[in-house]
Full PDB file with SEQRES, HELIX, SHEET, SSBOND, CRYST1, ORIGX, SCALE, CONECT and MASTER records, all heavy atoms in Angstrom:
SEQRES   1 A   39  THR THR VAL LYS MET GLY LEU PHE TYR THR ASP GLY LYS          
SEQRES   2 A   39  ILE LEU GLU LYS TRP GLU ILE PRO SER LYS LYS ASN ASP          
SEQRES   3 A   39  ALA ASN LEU THR LEU LEU ASP ASP ILE ALA GLU GLU ILE          
HELIX    1 AA1 THR A   30  GLU A   38  1                                   9    
SHEET    1 AA1 2 THR A   2  PHE A   8  0                                        
SHEET    2 AA1 2 ILE A  14  PRO A  21 -1                                        
CRYST1    1.000    1.000    1.000  90.00  90.00  90.00 P 1           1          
ORIGX1      1.000000  0.000000  0.000000        0.00000                         
ORIGX2      0.000000  1.000000  0.000000        0.00000                         
ORIGX3      0.000000  0.000000  1.000000        0.00000                         
SCALE1      1.000000  0.000000  0.000000        0.00000                         
SCALE2      0.000000  1.000000  0.000000        0.00000                         
SCALE3      0.000000  0.000000  1.000000        0.00000                         
ATOM      1  N   THR A   1      88.448 126.824  87.674  1.00  0.00           N  
ATOM      2  CA  THR A   1      87.968 127.787  88.672  1.00  0.00           C  
ATOM      3  C   THR A   1      88.398 127.429  90.081  1.00  0.00           C  
ATOM      4  O   THR A   1      88.818 128.295  90.849  1.00  0.00           O  
ATOM      5  CB  THR A   1      86.432 127.881  88.620  1.00  0.00           C  
ATOM      6  OG1 THR A   1      86.026 128.209  87.296  1.00  0.00           O  
ATOM      7  CG2 THR A   1      85.925 128.938  89.580  1.00  0.00           C  
ATOM      8  N   THR A   2      88.271 126.153  90.424  1.00  0.00           N  
ATOM      9  CA  THR A   2      88.647 125.699  91.768  1.00  0.00           C  
ATOM     10  C   THR A   2      89.477 124.422  91.690  1.00  0.00           C  
ATOM     11  O   THR A   2      89.458 123.705  90.687  1.00  0.00           O  
ATOM     12  CB  THR A   2      87.404 125.408  92.639  1.00  0.00           C  
ATOM     13  OG1 THR A   2      86.643 124.340  92.046  1.00  0.00           O  
ATOM     14  CG2 THR A   2      86.537 126.638  92.793  1.00  0.00           C  
ATOM     15  N   VAL A   3      90.194 124.155  92.769  1.00  0.00           N  
ATOM     16  CA  VAL A   3      90.899 122.881  92.959  1.00  0.00           C  
ATOM     17  C   VAL A   3      90.168 122.128  94.062  1.00  0.00           C  
ATOM     18  O   VAL A   3      90.075 122.610  95.192  1.00  0.00           O  
ATOM     19  CB  VAL A   3      92.371 123.096  93.359  1.00  0.00           C  
ATOM     20  CG1 VAL A   3      93.065 121.750  93.581  1.00  0.00           C  
ATOM     21  CG2 VAL A   3      93.098 123.913  92.318  1.00  0.00           C  
ATOM     22  N   LYS A   4      89.626 120.963  93.732  1.00  0.00           N  
ATOM     23  CA  LYS A   4      88.963 120.129  94.728  1.00  0.00           C  
ATOM     24  C   LYS A   4      89.996 119.199  95.331  1.00  0.00           C  
ATOM     25  O   LYS A   4      90.799 118.602  94.617  1.00  0.00           O  
ATOM     26  CB  LYS A   4      87.817 119.343  94.081  1.00  0.00           C  
ATOM     27  CG  LYS A   4      86.748 120.236  93.466  1.00  0.00           C  
ATOM     28  CD  LYS A   4      85.716 119.418  92.713  1.00  0.00           C  
ATOM     29  CE  LYS A   4      84.702 120.330  92.063  1.00  0.00           C  
ATOM     30  NZ  LYS A   4      85.301 121.192  91.010  1.00  0.00           N  
ATOM     31  N   MET A   5      89.953 119.056  96.650  1.00  0.00           N  
ATOM     32  CA  MET A   5      90.930 118.236  97.345  1.00  0.00           C  
ATOM     33  C   MET A   5      90.227 117.346  98.354  1.00  0.00           C  
ATOM     34  O   MET A   5      89.194 117.720  98.925  1.00  0.00           O  
ATOM     35  CB  MET A   5      91.976 119.120  98.045  1.00  0.00           C  
ATOM     36  CG  MET A   5      92.694 120.076  97.104  1.00  0.00           C  
ATOM     37  SD  MET A   5      93.973 121.090  97.904  1.00  0.00           S  
ATOM     38  CE  MET A   5      95.171 119.845  98.354  1.00  0.00           C  
ATOM     39  N   GLY A   6      90.799 116.169  98.586  1.00  0.00           N  
ATOM     40  CA  GLY A   6      90.209 115.252  99.547  1.00  0.00           C  
ATOM     41  C   GLY A   6      91.268 114.429 100.246  1.00  0.00           C  
ATOM     42  O   GLY A   6      92.269 114.035  99.638  1.00  0.00           O  
ATOM     43  N   LEU A   7      91.057 114.192 101.533  1.00  0.00           N  
ATOM     44  CA  LEU A   7      91.873 113.261 102.311  1.00  0.00           C  
ATOM     45  C   LEU A   7      91.059 111.985 102.491  1.00  0.00           C  
ATOM     46  O   LEU A   7      89.907 112.041 102.951  1.00  0.00           O  
ATOM     47  CB  LEU A   7      92.229 113.858 103.670  1.00  0.00           C  
ATOM     48  CG  LEU A   7      92.910 112.907 104.671  1.00  0.00           C  
ATOM     49  CD1 LEU A   7      94.269 112.447 104.161  1.00  0.00           C  
ATOM     50  CD2 LEU A   7      93.043 113.582 106.044  1.00  0.00           C  
ATOM     51  N   PHE A   8      91.644 110.851 102.118  1.00  0.00           N  
ATOM     52  CA  PHE A   8      90.940 109.570 102.129  1.00  0.00           C  
ATOM     53  C   PHE A   8      91.698 108.540 102.957  1.00  0.00           C  
ATOM     54  O   PHE A   8      92.931 108.586 103.053  1.00  0.00           O  
ATOM     55  CB  PHE A   8      90.846 109.003 100.707  1.00  0.00           C  
ATOM     56  CG  PHE A   8      89.908 109.723  99.788  1.00  0.00           C  
ATOM     57  CD1 PHE A   8      90.250 110.954  99.248  1.00  0.00           C  
ATOM     58  CD2 PHE A   8      88.688 109.162  99.436  1.00  0.00           C  
ATOM     59  CE1 PHE A   8      89.404 111.613  98.367  1.00  0.00           C  
ATOM     60  CE2 PHE A   8      87.836 109.811  98.556  1.00  0.00           C  
ATOM     61  CZ  PHE A   8      88.189 111.034  98.026  1.00  0.00           C  
ATOM     62  N   TYR A   9      90.949 107.594 103.503  1.00  0.00           N  
ATOM     63  CA  TYR A   9      91.541 106.323 103.875  1.00  0.00           C  
ATOM     64  C   TYR A   9      91.751 105.544 102.583  1.00  0.00           C  
ATOM     65  O   TYR A   9      91.025 105.740 101.599  1.00  0.00           O  
ATOM     66  CB  TYR A   9      90.630 105.526 104.809  1.00  0.00           C  
ATOM     67  CG  TYR A   9      90.513 106.073 106.209  1.00  0.00           C  
ATOM     68  CD1 TYR A   9      89.293 106.552 106.676  1.00  0.00           C  
ATOM     69  CD2 TYR A   9      91.603 106.076 107.070  1.00  0.00           C  
ATOM     70  CE1 TYR A   9      89.167 107.049 107.968  1.00  0.00           C  
ATOM     71  CE2 TYR A   9      91.493 106.566 108.371  1.00  0.00           C  
ATOM     72  CZ  TYR A   9      90.269 107.050 108.806  1.00  0.00           C  
ATOM     73  OH  TYR A   9      90.154 107.540 110.070  1.00  0.00           O  
ATOM     74  N   THR A  10      92.711 104.650 102.566  1.00  0.00           N  
ATOM     75  CA  THR A  10      93.007 103.939 101.329  1.00  0.00           C  
ATOM     76  C   THR A  10      91.973 102.863 100.989  1.00  0.00           C  
ATOM     77  O   THR A  10      92.071 102.232  99.941  1.00  0.00           O  
ATOM     78  CB  THR A  10      94.419 103.308 101.381  1.00  0.00           C  
ATOM     79  OG1 THR A  10      94.582 102.580 102.591  1.00  0.00           O  
ATOM     80  CG2 THR A  10      95.478 104.387 101.283  1.00  0.00           C  
ATOM     81  N   ASP A  11      90.977 102.669 101.861  1.00  0.00           N  
ATOM     82  CA  ASP A  11      89.867 101.784 101.490  1.00  0.00           C  
ATOM     83  C   ASP A  11      88.773 102.528 100.729  1.00  0.00           C  
ATOM     84  O   ASP A  11      87.744 101.951 100.368  1.00  0.00           O  
ATOM     85  CB  ASP A  11      89.278 101.095 102.724  1.00  0.00           C  
ATOM     86  CG  ASP A  11      88.628 102.076 103.703  1.00  0.00           C  
ATOM     87  OD1 ASP A  11      88.645 103.308 103.442  1.00  0.00           O  
ATOM     88  OD2 ASP A  11      88.120 101.622 104.745  1.00  0.00           O  
ATOM     89  N   GLY A  12      88.998 103.827 100.474  1.00  0.00           N  
ATOM     90  CA  GLY A  12      88.045 104.619  99.713  1.00  0.00           C  
ATOM     91  C   GLY A  12      87.136 105.496 100.540  1.00  0.00           C  
ATOM     92  O   GLY A  12      86.373 106.294  99.976  1.00  0.00           O  
ATOM     93  N   LYS A  13      87.216 105.415 101.852  1.00  0.00           N  
ATOM     94  CA  LYS A  13      86.392 106.269 102.703  1.00  0.00           C  
ATOM     95  C   LYS A  13      87.010 107.662 102.780  1.00  0.00           C  
ATOM     96  O   LYS A  13      88.208 107.806 103.008  1.00  0.00           O  
ATOM     97  CB  LYS A  13      86.288 105.677 104.109  1.00  0.00           C  
ATOM     98  CG  LYS A  13      85.426 106.515 105.056  1.00  0.00           C  
ATOM     99  CD  LYS A  13      85.365 105.887 106.447  1.00  0.00           C  
ATOM    100  CE  LYS A  13      84.564 106.742 107.408  1.00  0.00           C  
ATOM    101  NZ  LYS A  13      84.546 106.169 108.767  1.00  0.00           N  
ATOM    102  N   ILE A  14      86.180 108.672 102.577  1.00  0.00           N  
ATOM    103  CA  ILE A  14      86.681 110.036 102.585  1.00  0.00           C  
ATOM    104  C   ILE A  14      86.593 110.619 103.993  1.00  0.00           C  
ATOM    105  O   ILE A  14      85.600 110.458 104.697  1.00  0.00           O  
ATOM    106  CB  ILE A  14      85.900 110.910 101.571  1.00  0.00           C  
ATOM    107  CG1 ILE A  14      86.570 112.273 101.388  1.00  0.00           C  
ATOM    108  CG2 ILE A  14      84.432 111.044 101.954  1.00  0.00           C  
ATOM    109  CD1 ILE A  14      86.070 113.036 100.176  1.00  0.00           C  
ATOM    110  N   LEU A  15      87.686 111.260 104.422  1.00  0.00           N  
ATOM    111  CA  LEU A  15      87.712 111.883 105.744  1.00  0.00           C  
ATOM    112  C   LEU A  15      87.316 113.350 105.663  1.00  0.00           C  
ATOM    113  O   LEU A  15      86.609 113.863 106.529  1.00  0.00           O  
ATOM    114  CB  LEU A  15      89.115 111.794 106.364  1.00  0.00           C  
ATOM    115  CG  LEU A  15      89.549 110.481 106.992  1.00  0.00           C  
ATOM    116  CD1 LEU A  15      89.975 109.491 105.922  1.00  0.00           C  
ATOM    117  CD2 LEU A  15      90.692 110.722 107.968  1.00  0.00           C  
ATOM    118  N   GLU A  16      87.821 114.036 104.641  1.00  0.00           N  
ATOM    119  CA  GLU A  16      87.591 115.472 104.538  1.00  0.00           C  
ATOM    120  C   GLU A  16      87.753 115.884 103.086  1.00  0.00           C  
ATOM    121  O   GLU A  16      88.600 115.351 102.360  1.00  0.00           O  
ATOM    122  CB  GLU A  16      88.615 116.229 105.406  1.00  0.00           C  
ATOM    123  CG  GLU A  16      88.458 117.737 105.389  1.00  0.00           C  
ATOM    124  CD  GLU A  16      89.485 118.453 106.257  1.00  0.00           C  
ATOM    125  OE1 GLU A  16      90.199 117.771 107.025  1.00  0.00           O  
ATOM    126  OE2 GLU A  16      89.586 119.699 106.141  1.00  0.00           O  
ATOM    127  N   LYS A  17      86.934 116.815 102.644  1.00  0.00           N  
ATOM    128  CA  LYS A  17      87.117 117.380 101.310  1.00  0.00           C  
ATOM    129  C   LYS A  17      86.926 118.893 101.376  1.00  0.00           C  
ATOM    130  O   LYS A  17      86.180 119.403 102.209  1.00  0.00           O  
ATOM    131  CB  LYS A  17      86.152 116.762 100.295  1.00  0.00           C  
ATOM    132  CG  LYS A  17      84.679 117.019 100.556  1.00  0.00           C  
ATOM    133  CD  LYS A  17      83.830 116.411  99.438  1.00  0.00           C  
ATOM    134  CE  LYS A  17      82.347 116.680  99.675  1.00  0.00           C  
ATOM    135  NZ  LYS A  17      81.514 116.165  98.569  1.00  0.00           N  
ATOM    136  N   TRP A  18      87.619 119.615 100.498  1.00  0.00           N  
ATOM    137  CA  TRP A  18      87.563 121.071 100.512  1.00  0.00           C  
ATOM    138  C   TRP A  18      88.017 121.581  99.152  1.00  0.00           C  
ATOM    139  O   TRP A  18      88.442 120.808  98.284  1.00  0.00           O  
ATOM    140  CB  TRP A  18      88.416 121.621 101.649  1.00  0.00           C  
ATOM    141  CG  TRP A  18      89.902 121.463 101.485  1.00  0.00           C  
ATOM    142  CD1 TRP A  18      90.801 122.404 101.091  1.00  0.00           C  
ATOM    143  CD2 TRP A  18      90.678 120.269 101.724  1.00  0.00           C  
ATOM    144  NE1 TRP A  18      92.077 121.887 101.074  1.00  0.00           N  
ATOM    145  CE2 TRP A  18      92.027 120.584 101.455  1.00  0.00           C  
ATOM    146  CE3 TRP A  18      90.357 118.972 102.142  1.00  0.00           C  
ATOM    147  CZ2 TRP A  18      93.050 119.650 101.587  1.00  0.00           C  
ATOM    148  CZ3 TRP A  18      91.367 118.048 102.263  1.00  0.00           C  
ATOM    149  CH2 TRP A  18      92.694 118.383 101.995  1.00  0.00           C  
ATOM    150  N   GLU A  19      87.933 122.890  98.963  1.00  0.00           N  
ATOM    151  CA  GLU A  19      88.332 123.513  97.705  1.00  0.00           C  
ATOM    152  C   GLU A  19      89.197 124.733  97.967  1.00  0.00           C  
ATOM    153  O   GLU A  19      89.084 125.373  99.012  1.00  0.00           O  
ATOM    154  CB  GLU A  19      87.096 123.957  96.895  1.00  0.00           C  
ATOM    155  CG  GLU A  19      86.183 122.845  96.471  1.00  0.00           C  
ATOM    156  CD  GLU A  19      84.997 123.348  95.653  1.00  0.00           C  
ATOM    157  OE1 GLU A  19      84.892 124.575  95.430  1.00  0.00           O  
ATOM    158  OE2 GLU A  19      84.160 122.525  95.248  1.00  0.00           O  
ATOM    159  N   ILE A  20      90.050 125.039  96.991  1.00  0.00           N  
ATOM    160  CA  ILE A  20      90.783 126.295  96.985  1.00  0.00           C  
ATOM    161  C   ILE A  20      90.655 126.891  95.579  1.00  0.00           C  
ATOM    162  O   ILE A  20      90.370 126.163  94.625  1.00  0.00           O  
ATOM    163  CB  ILE A  20      92.273 126.113  97.355  1.00  0.00           C  
ATOM    164  CG1 ILE A  20      92.994 125.224  96.337  1.00  0.00           C  
ATOM    165  CG2 ILE A  20      92.408 125.557  98.762  1.00  0.00           C  
ATOM    166  CD1 ILE A  20      94.501 125.148  96.531  1.00  0.00           C  
ATOM    167  N   PRO A  21      90.855 128.189  95.425  1.00  0.00           N  
ATOM    168  CA  PRO A  21      90.740 128.802  94.085  1.00  0.00           C  
ATOM    169  C   PRO A  21      91.875 128.360  93.165  1.00  0.00           C  
ATOM    170  O   PRO A  21      93.004 128.147  93.604  1.00  0.00           O  
ATOM    171  CB  PRO A  21      90.821 130.309  94.362  1.00  0.00           C  
ATOM    172  CG  PRO A  21      90.609 130.459  95.833  1.00  0.00           C  
ATOM    173  CD  PRO A  21      91.088 129.199  96.471  1.00  0.00           C  
ATOM    174  N   SER A  22      91.545 128.210  91.878  1.00  0.00           N  
ATOM    175  CA  SER A  22      92.588 128.001  90.861  1.00  0.00           C  
ATOM    176  C   SER A  22      93.209 129.345  90.499  1.00  0.00           C  
ATOM    177  O   SER A  22      92.775 130.392  90.982  1.00  0.00           O  
ATOM    178  CB  SER A  22      91.994 127.352  89.609  1.00  0.00           C  
ATOM    179  OG  SER A  22      91.630 126.020  89.854  1.00  0.00           O  
ATOM    180  N   LYS A  23      94.207 129.293  89.627  1.00  0.00           N  
ATOM    181  CA  LYS A  23      94.872 130.521  89.195  1.00  0.00           C  
ATOM    182  C   LYS A  23      95.012 130.520  87.676  1.00  0.00           C  
ATOM    183  O   LYS A  23      95.297 129.489  87.067  1.00  0.00           O  
ATOM    184  CB  LYS A  23      96.259 130.645  89.841  1.00  0.00           C  
ATOM    185  CG  LYS A  23      96.204 130.884  91.339  1.00  0.00           C  
ATOM    186  CD  LYS A  23      97.594 131.058  91.920  1.00  0.00           C  
ATOM    187  CE  LYS A  23      97.509 131.398  93.408  1.00  0.00           C  
ATOM    188  NZ  LYS A  23      98.844 131.555  94.015  1.00  0.00           N  
ATOM    189  N   LYS A  24      94.821 131.672  87.072  1.00  0.00           N  
ATOM    190  CA  LYS A  24      95.037 131.845  85.643  1.00  0.00           C  
ATOM    191  C   LYS A  24      96.472 132.358  85.422  1.00  0.00           C  
ATOM    192  O   LYS A  24      97.089 132.931  86.319  1.00  0.00           O  
ATOM    193  CB  LYS A  24      94.052 132.858  85.061  1.00  0.00           C  
ATOM    194  CG  LYS A  24      92.589 132.570  85.393  1.00  0.00           C  
ATOM    195  CD  LYS A  24      92.075 131.331  84.683  1.00  0.00           C  
ATOM    196  CE  LYS A  24      90.593 131.135  84.954  1.00  0.00           C  
ATOM    197  NZ  LYS A  24      90.068 129.899  84.351  1.00  0.00           N  
ATOM    198  N   ASN A  25      96.977 132.161  84.234  1.00  0.00           N  
ATOM    199  CA  ASN A  25      98.313 132.669  83.868  1.00  0.00           C  
ATOM    200  C   ASN A  25      99.354 132.303  84.925  1.00  0.00           C  
ATOM    201  O   ASN A  25     100.135 133.145  85.369  1.00  0.00           O  
ATOM    202  CB  ASN A  25      98.263 134.186  83.669  1.00  0.00           C  
ATOM    203  CG  ASN A  25      97.235 134.589  82.629  1.00  0.00           C  
ATOM    204  OD1 ASN A  25      97.168 133.984  81.560  1.00  0.00           O  
ATOM    205  ND2 ASN A  25      96.436 135.597  82.937  1.00  0.00           N  
ATOM    206  N   ASP A  26      99.347 131.013  85.311  1.00  0.00           N  
ATOM    207  CA  ASP A  26     100.168 130.543  86.424  1.00  0.00           C  
ATOM    208  C   ASP A  26     101.494 129.964  85.920  1.00  0.00           C  
ATOM    209  O   ASP A  26     101.827 128.816  86.197  1.00  0.00           O  
ATOM    210  CB  ASP A  26      99.371 129.495  87.218  1.00  0.00           C  
ATOM    211  CG  ASP A  26     100.068 129.036  88.483  1.00  0.00           C  
ATOM    212  OD1 ASP A  26     100.731 129.869  89.129  1.00  0.00           O  
ATOM    213  OD2 ASP A  26      99.960 127.838  88.812  1.00  0.00           O  
ATOM    214  N   ALA A  27     102.230 130.755  85.152  1.00  0.00           N  
ATOM    215  CA  ALA A  27     103.479 130.267  84.553  1.00  0.00           C  
ATOM    216  C   ALA A  27     104.504 129.866  85.606  1.00  0.00           C  
ATOM    217  O   ALA A  27     105.354 129.003  85.355  1.00  0.00           O  
ATOM    218  CB  ALA A  27     104.058 131.335  83.635  1.00  0.00           C  
ATOM    219  N   ASN A  28     104.440 130.450  86.781  1.00  0.00           N  
ATOM    220  CA  ASN A  28     105.392 130.131  87.849  1.00  0.00           C  
ATOM    221  C   ASN A  28     104.954 128.971  88.731  1.00  0.00           C  
ATOM    222  O   ASN A  28     105.616 128.668  89.729  1.00  0.00           O  
ATOM    223  CB  ASN A  28     105.645 131.366  88.716  1.00  0.00           C  
ATOM    224  CG  ASN A  28     106.351 132.474  87.961  1.00  0.00           C  
ATOM    225  OD1 ASN A  28     107.207 132.201  87.118  1.00  0.00           O  
ATOM    226  ND2 ASN A  28     105.988 133.714  88.241  1.00  0.00           N  
ATOM    227  N   LEU A  29     103.828 128.356  88.371  1.00  0.00           N  
ATOM    228  CA  LEU A  29     103.332 127.168  89.080  1.00  0.00           C  
ATOM    229  C   LEU A  29     103.049 127.446  90.557  1.00  0.00           C  
ATOM    230  O   LEU A  29     103.206 126.554  91.407  1.00  0.00           O  
ATOM    231  CB  LEU A  29     104.326 126.004  88.952  1.00  0.00           C  
ATOM    232  CG  LEU A  29     104.765 125.629  87.536  1.00  0.00           C  
ATOM    233  CD1 LEU A  29     105.726 124.446  87.568  1.00  0.00           C  
ATOM    234  CD2 LEU A  29     103.577 125.321  86.644  1.00  0.00           C  
ATOM    235  N   THR A  30     102.610 128.637  90.869  1.00  0.00           N  
ATOM    236  CA  THR A  30     102.311 128.954  92.267  1.00  0.00           C  
ATOM    237  C   THR A  30     101.100 128.179  92.779  1.00  0.00           C  
ATOM    238  O   THR A  30     100.950 128.001  93.991  1.00  0.00           O  
ATOM    239  CB  THR A  30     102.070 130.461  92.451  1.00  0.00           C  
ATOM    240  OG1 THR A  30     101.029 130.889  91.565  1.00  0.00           O  
ATOM    241  CG2 THR A  30     103.337 131.250  92.137  1.00  0.00           C  
ATOM    242  N   LEU A  31     100.247 127.703  91.863  1.00  0.00           N  
ATOM    243  CA  LEU A  31      99.115 126.882  92.296  1.00  0.00           C  
ATOM    244  C   LEU A  31      99.594 125.590  92.948  1.00  0.00           C  
ATOM    245  O   LEU A  31      99.001 125.122  93.928  1.00  0.00           O  
ATOM    246  CB  LEU A  31      98.200 126.569  91.105  1.00  0.00           C  
ATOM    247  CG  LEU A  31      96.959 125.732  91.418  1.00  0.00           C  
ATOM    248  CD1 LEU A  31      96.087 126.419  92.470  1.00  0.00           C  
ATOM    249  CD2 LEU A  31      96.152 125.471  90.154  1.00  0.00           C  
ATOM    250  N   LEU A  32     100.676 125.029  92.439  1.00  0.00           N  
ATOM    251  CA  LEU A  32     101.233 123.820  93.052  1.00  0.00           C  
ATOM    252  C   LEU A  32     101.750 124.111  94.456  1.00  0.00           C  
ATOM    253  O   LEU A  32     101.653 123.266  95.350  1.00  0.00           O  
ATOM    254  CB  LEU A  32     102.349 123.245  92.184  1.00  0.00           C  
ATOM    255  CG  LEU A  32     101.941 122.746  90.792  1.00  0.00           C  
ATOM    256  CD1 LEU A  32     103.145 122.133  90.083  1.00  0.00           C  
ATOM    257  CD2 LEU A  32     100.794 121.740  90.883  1.00  0.00           C  
ATOM    258  N   ASP A  33     102.289 125.315  94.667  1.00  0.00           N  
ATOM    259  CA  ASP A  33     102.701 125.714  96.020  1.00  0.00           C  
ATOM    260  C   ASP A  33     101.494 125.745  96.952  1.00  0.00           C  
ATOM    261  O   ASP A  33     101.561 125.276  98.095  1.00  0.00           O  
ATOM    262  CB  ASP A  33     103.356 127.099  95.990  1.00  0.00           C  
ATOM    263  CG  ASP A  33     104.658 127.118  95.207  1.00  0.00           C  
ATOM    264  OD1 ASP A  33     105.412 126.131  95.282  1.00  0.00           O  
ATOM    265  OD2 ASP A  33     104.913 128.117  94.515  1.00  0.00           O  
ATOM    266  N   ASP A  34     100.376 126.298  96.452  1.00  0.00           N  
ATOM    267  CA  ASP A  34      99.158 126.387  97.259  1.00  0.00           C  
ATOM    268  C   ASP A  34      98.642 124.995  97.624  1.00  0.00           C  
ATOM    269  O   ASP A  34      98.235 124.743  98.765  1.00  0.00           O  
ATOM    270  CB  ASP A  34      98.071 127.146  96.504  1.00  0.00           C  
ATOM    271  CG  ASP A  34      98.424 128.608  96.273  1.00  0.00           C  
ATOM    272  OD1 ASP A  34      99.364 129.104  96.915  1.00  0.00           O  
ATOM    273  OD2 ASP A  34      97.743 129.250  95.440  1.00  0.00           O  
ATOM    274  N   ILE A  35      98.655 124.088  96.645  1.00  0.00           N  
ATOM    275  CA  ILE A  35      98.171 122.725  96.892  1.00  0.00           C  
ATOM    276  C   ILE A  35      99.054 122.029  97.918  1.00  0.00           C  
ATOM    277  O   ILE A  35      98.558 121.365  98.841  1.00  0.00           O  
ATOM    278  CB  ILE A  35      98.130 121.927  95.572  1.00  0.00           C  
ATOM    279  CG1 ILE A  35      97.076 122.520  94.633  1.00  0.00           C  
ATOM    280  CG2 ILE A  35      97.831 120.450  95.841  1.00  0.00           C  
ATOM    281  CD1 ILE A  35      97.121 121.964  93.218  1.00  0.00           C  
ATOM    282  N   ALA A  36     100.365 122.183  97.784  1.00  0.00           N  
ATOM    283  CA  ALA A  36     101.291 121.562  98.735  1.00  0.00           C  
ATOM    284  C   ALA A  36     101.078 122.102 100.147  1.00  0.00           C  
ATOM    285  O   ALA A  36     101.108 121.333 101.129  1.00  0.00           O  
ATOM    286  CB  ALA A  36     102.736 121.805  98.288  1.00  0.00           C  
ATOM    287  N   GLU A  37     100.843 123.406 100.264  1.00  0.00           N  
ATOM    288  CA  GLU A  37     100.600 123.996 101.575  1.00  0.00           C  
ATOM    289  C   GLU A  37      99.320 123.445 102.193  1.00  0.00           C  
ATOM    290  O   GLU A  37      99.248 123.209 103.408  1.00  0.00           O  
ATOM    291  CB  GLU A  37     100.533 125.523 101.465  1.00  0.00           C  
ATOM    292  CG  GLU A  37     101.878 126.197 101.238  1.00  0.00           C  
ATOM    293  CD  GLU A  37     102.881 125.853 102.330  1.00  0.00           C  
ATOM    294  OE1 GLU A  37     102.506 125.914 103.526  1.00  0.00           O  
ATOM    295  OE2 GLU A  37     104.023 125.495 101.993  1.00  0.00           O  
ATOM    296  N   GLU A  38      98.286 123.249 101.365  1.00  0.00           N  
ATOM    297  CA  GLU A  38      97.029 122.683 101.862  1.00  0.00           C  
ATOM    298  C   GLU A  38      97.229 121.249 102.350  1.00  0.00           C  
ATOM    299  O   GLU A  38      96.681 120.846 103.380  1.00  0.00           O  
ATOM    300  CB  GLU A  38      95.966 122.718 100.760  1.00  0.00           C  
ATOM    301  CG  GLU A  38      95.401 124.093 100.500  1.00  0.00           C  
ATOM    302  CD  GLU A  38      94.603 124.611 101.689  1.00  0.00           C  
ATOM    303  OE1 GLU A  38      93.690 123.901 102.156  1.00  0.00           O  
ATOM    304  OE2 GLU A  38      94.895 125.718 102.164  1.00  0.00           O  
ATOM    305  N   ILE A  39      98.001 120.473 101.624  1.00  0.00           N  
ATOM    306  CA  ILE A  39      98.277 119.092 102.029  1.00  0.00           C  
ATOM    307  C   ILE A  39      99.010 119.075 103.371  1.00  0.00           C  
ATOM    308  O   ILE A  39      98.657 118.311 104.286  1.00  0.00           O  
ATOM    309  CB  ILE A  39      99.096 118.375 100.938  1.00  0.00           C  
ATOM    310  CG1 ILE A  39      98.205 118.104  99.723  1.00  0.00           C  
ATOM    311  CG2 ILE A  39      99.696 117.065 101.464  1.00  0.00           C  
ATOM    312  CD1 ILE A  39      98.954 117.616  98.502  1.00  0.00           C  
TER     313      ILE A  39                                                      
MASTER        0    0    0    1    2    0    0    6  312    1    0    3          
END                                                                             
C-alpha cells in the first residue's frame, strides 16, 4: 500500500521519515522512479 522511507545518520539516529503510495501492476518499475525522486 505504501513505501516507508527514512533518512538516517549512520549511527542509527533518524532525521526524517515519510511515506509515498505504492503502485499495483507496476511492470515498468515506475515505483522505483518515484523512490529515486524522493531520495
